[in-house]
Amino acid sequence: MDLKEPVLKILAKQYEPSTLIETTFKRYDLAFKTDDEGRPILLFIGKRDELGNIKGERYARRLKIDPDGKVIKDHWEHKGKAT
């Protein structure tokens, strides 16, 4: 399952550094962790269970930045099921 444009738009924004952000999008629950720059780097997408955990899919962001701060590579990899 590839991430679609509306979800990627949410993940393209800057957030508070080093936090876990929880939100919803359409029928999905989203939870993502940010790095020390505030960029989302780990995503859980699916349905939240009664314990508050998201059951669905897990993604990790591959981000490569040159010494000048310019982004060289930026893509999301599917890492499997989130339980």
Protein backbone atom coordinates (compact mmCIF):
# COMPACT_ATOMS: atom_id res chain seq x y z
CA MET A 1 0.00 0.00 0.00
CA ASP A 2 1.57 3.26 -1.12
CA LEU A 3 0.83 6.52 0.65
CA LYS A 4 -1.48 8.80 -1.33
CA GLU A 5 -1.16 12.54 -1.93
CA PRO A 6 -3.54 13.76 0.83
CA VAL A 7 -1.63 11.81 3.50
CA LEU A 8 1.72 12.94 2.07
CA LYS A 9 0.51 16.55 2.36
CA ILE A 10 -0.02 16.04 6.10
CA LEU A 11 3.43 14.49 6.41
CA ALA A 12 5.13 17.28 4.45
CA LYS A 13 4.45 19.84 7.20
CA GLN A 14 6.78 20.77 10.04
CA TYR A 15 5.63 19.87 13.57
CA GLU A 16 6.98 20.16 17.08
CA PRO A 17 10.41 18.46 17.27
CA SER A 18 10.79 15.01 18.85
CA THR A 19 7.12 14.36 19.57
CA LEU A 20 4.39 11.85 18.77
CA ILE A 21 1.53 13.45 16.85
CA GLU A 22 -1.84 11.68 16.78
CA THR A 23 -4.58 12.70 14.36
CA THR A 24 -7.23 11.27 12.05
CA PHE A 25 -7.66 11.41 8.30
CA LYS A 26 -10.93 10.26 6.75
CA ARG A 27 -11.50 6.79 8.22
CA TYR A 28 -7.90 6.26 9.37
CA ASP A 29 -6.13 7.04 12.61
CA LEU A 30 -2.61 8.39 12.15
CA ALA A 31 0.26 8.56 14.60
CA PHE A 32 3.69 9.79 13.61
CA LYS A 33 6.94 10.58 15.36
CA THR A 34 9.00 13.61 14.42
CA ASP A 35 12.76 14.08 14.36
CA ASP A 36 14.65 16.89 16.07
CA GLU A 37 13.83 19.19 13.13
CA GLY A 38 10.08 18.52 13.39
CA ARG A 39 9.82 16.39 10.24
CA PRO A 40 7.68 13.22 10.46
CA ILE A 41 9.94 10.15 10.23
CA LEU A 42 7.83 7.22 11.45
CA LEU A 43 4.15 6.71 10.59
CA PHE A 44 1.47 4.34 11.85
CA ILE A 45 -1.79 4.35 9.86
CA GLY A 46 -4.87 2.23 10.49
CA LYS A 47 -7.59 1.91 13.13
CA ARG A 48 -7.00 2.55 16.83
CA ASP A 49 -7.94 -0.37 19.12
CA GLU A 50 -9.41 -0.21 22.62
CA LEU A 51 -5.92 0.09 24.14
CA GLY A 52 -5.06 3.09 21.96
CA ASN A 53 -2.65 1.22 19.67
CA ILE A 54 -2.97 1.55 15.91
CA LYS A 55 -3.51 -1.67 13.99
CA GLY A 56 -2.65 -1.21 10.35
CA GLU A 57 0.51 -0.31 8.47
CA ARG A 58 3.89 1.10 9.49
CA TYR A 59 6.08 3.38 7.34
CA ALA A 60 9.53 4.89 7.82
CA ARG A 61 10.82 7.97 6.05
CA ARG A 62 14.17 7.85 4.28
CA LEU A 63 15.57 11.33 4.26
CA LYS A 64 19.02 12.19 2.90
CA ILE A 65 20.26 15.76 3.31
CA ASP A 66 23.52 17.22 1.99
CA PRO A 67 25.84 19.34 4.20
CA ASP A 68 24.19 22.54 2.92
CA GLY A 69 20.79 21.37 4.23
CA LYS A 70 19.36 20.57 0.78
CA VAL A 71 17.18 17.43 0.59
CA ILE A 72 18.69 14.86 -1.77
CA LYS A 73 16.28 11.94 -1.16
CA ASP A 74 12.92 11.91 0.57
CA HIS A 75 10.57 8.91 0.38
CA TRP A 76 8.44 6.69 2.61
CA GLU A 77 9.12 2.94 2.87
CA HIS A 78 6.44 0.44 3.85
CA LYS A 79 7.77 -1.56 6.81
CA GLY A 80 4.88 -3.98 7.28
CA LYS A 81 2.04 -4.42 9.71
CA ALA A 82 1.64 -2.25 12.80
CA THR A 83 0.18 -4.08 15.80
